[in-house]
Amino acid sequence: MNKINESIFKAYDIRGIYPTQLNEEFAYNLGRGYATFILRDNPKAKNIVIGSDMRLSSPTLKKELIRGLIESGLNVVDVGLVSTPTFYFAVGFYKYDGGIQVSASHNPKEYNGFKMVKNNSLPISKDTGIMEIKNIILENDFRARKEEGEIIKKENILQELVSNQLADIDITKIKKFKIVVDAANSMGALDMEEFFKKVPAELIKINFKLDGNFPSHEADPLKEENLELLRQKVIENKADFGVAIDGDADRYFFVDENGNSLRQEILRGIMAQIELAENSGATVAYDIRPGRITKDMIEEMGGKSIVTPVGHSLIKEIMIKNEAIFGGESSGHYFYKKPYGTFEMPVILMAKFLEFLSGKNMAFSEIVQSYKKYFHSGEINFKVANVAKKLKEAEEKFSDGEINKLDGVTVEYSDLWFNLRGSNTEPLIRLNLEAKTKELMEKKVKEVAEFIKK
C-alpha cells in the first residue's frame, strides 16, 4: 500500500504544501493513478494534455507526472506554461482525452497541486473521480498498456484561443479605455498580453513578470489587501478601471475608476444580461451564496436561473446537465458554453465587458451604482468545534425563515437572507449575509455571529 497524505485530495482538485504534503514521487504515482482511472472510463483514451503554472516546484512535479502517464501507455501533449483556462481550451478544442494542470491556483508559494479533467475539459471532482484516483494510488492498483506513450509538444494554443473566442465579438465597438491589470506575477500575464494585442485599449501592467515567489503579494484577489496596489495604480494613472487576476488566471476581479471593488454578483448579473440578450430565455447558473441582484437581473431579461452549490467543478457539471449558456461563481469564476466545453473563458468575459462599457456614456462607477440595491456582509469565517453540529443547530435556530440545504444552510426572510456552509478543508463555517438595508444587514450579522460563537 502506498503512503500518501490523504488531506491533499480536495473537493475540486489535489492541493498541498511542497514537498512535505506532495512531492515528485506522488506526482509520478498520480500520473499512473490518473491513467488507470481514464483508461477504465475510456479504454480508447490516447492523448492527455499536461500544462503547468510558474510555481518553483512545477517543473519537477510536471516531469514526474508525465513519466507516470507515459509509462502507463498514454501520450502526453505538453502545452508548456499556461493558465488554467488555456489548459481547459487545449483539452476541449483539440479533442484530447483529458488533462492535468500542475497548479495551486491562488495559494501561497509553498503550495502546489493538480487540476484534472476528462475530455471536453469536464472537471474531475470529489464525486466524479478524485477519490477513486486516491484509492487507486493507495492500493497500488495501477493498470498500464504494454507499450509506453510518447511526448507531443503543442504550441501557439493561446493565440488560437484568443482568435477563436474573439471571433464573434465586434472589437471595433470597443473604446480606447485605459486599463490597469495586476497579474500578481502569475499566469494571467500571458493571457492578457495576448488579449490586449487584439483589443484597442491601453494596458498598464502591474506584476507581469512570472515569478513563483510572488514578490509583490499573494495571487489571491479575494483578499482585500491584495488589491491595494491595483487601487493605487488605477487612481494614479486616471485609468477607467482595474483588473486583478488570481494565480492560475481562472478568477477575475474588477475595481472602478476610484479603486472601489465591483461586487461579483453585480458583474455576474451584467454578464448574464449580455448573454440573455443574445440567447433569449436561456439558462444561467450561479452559486447559492447571497447575491440577489444576479437573480433580479436574470429575471429582468426573461432568463431561467439555476442555483448551484459552491465550487467551480459543481457549477460546470450542473451547467452542462442543464445546457446553461453562462455561469458565475461568487469567487470570480465565469463560465461560458462553447462546442468544445463549458469552463472559464476570461477572454470572452473581458471582451464582452469592454463592449458593454463602450456602449455606455458614463464612468464605470456610475454604471454600476444602480445595481447596488442590497447590502452584503462579505464572507466571514468562524472557527467551530463541529461544523455539522453547528449547521444543524442553525437549521433549528432560524426555522422561522425559509430553509434551503443545497449547500450548508441557507435561510431566507422577506428582507434578508444568508448562507452558512462548512469549509472543505478546515473547521470553519463561512457566513454570507445580504439585506435590503445596511442597518438590518449589520444587526443580523451580529446576531448570527453571536449564535455561531456559542
Foldseek 3Di string as FASTA:
>chain_A
DDDAQVLQAFFFWGKDFPPPRPAQVNLLLLLQLVLQVLCVVPVVAAEEEEEEKLAPRTVSSSVSNCVNNQQQAHEYAYAYHAFVVLSLCVQQVVFHAWYKYWAPWQDARRMITIWIAGHLRQGQGPVRPSVSSVVCSVVVVGHGDPHGYYYHYDYPSLVVLLCVLCVPFDLVLFDAFEEEEEALLARVLVNVVNLVVPHNYHYDYHNSHRDSNSVPDGQAVLDVVVLVVVQVVLQVVLGLWYWRAIHSRQFIWIAGSNSHTDQQLLLLLVVLLLVCVVVPQAEEEEEDFDNVLSVVSCVVRNYHYDYAHDDQSRRQVVCVVRVGQWYDYRSGGIWGDDPRHIGGRVSNSVSVVSSVVSVDPDGPCVVSPVSPQKDKPRKDKDADPDQVVLLVVVCVVQVVFDWDVNARIWGDDPFKIKHWHADRNHRMIIIMIMGRDPVVRVVVVVVVVVSRVD
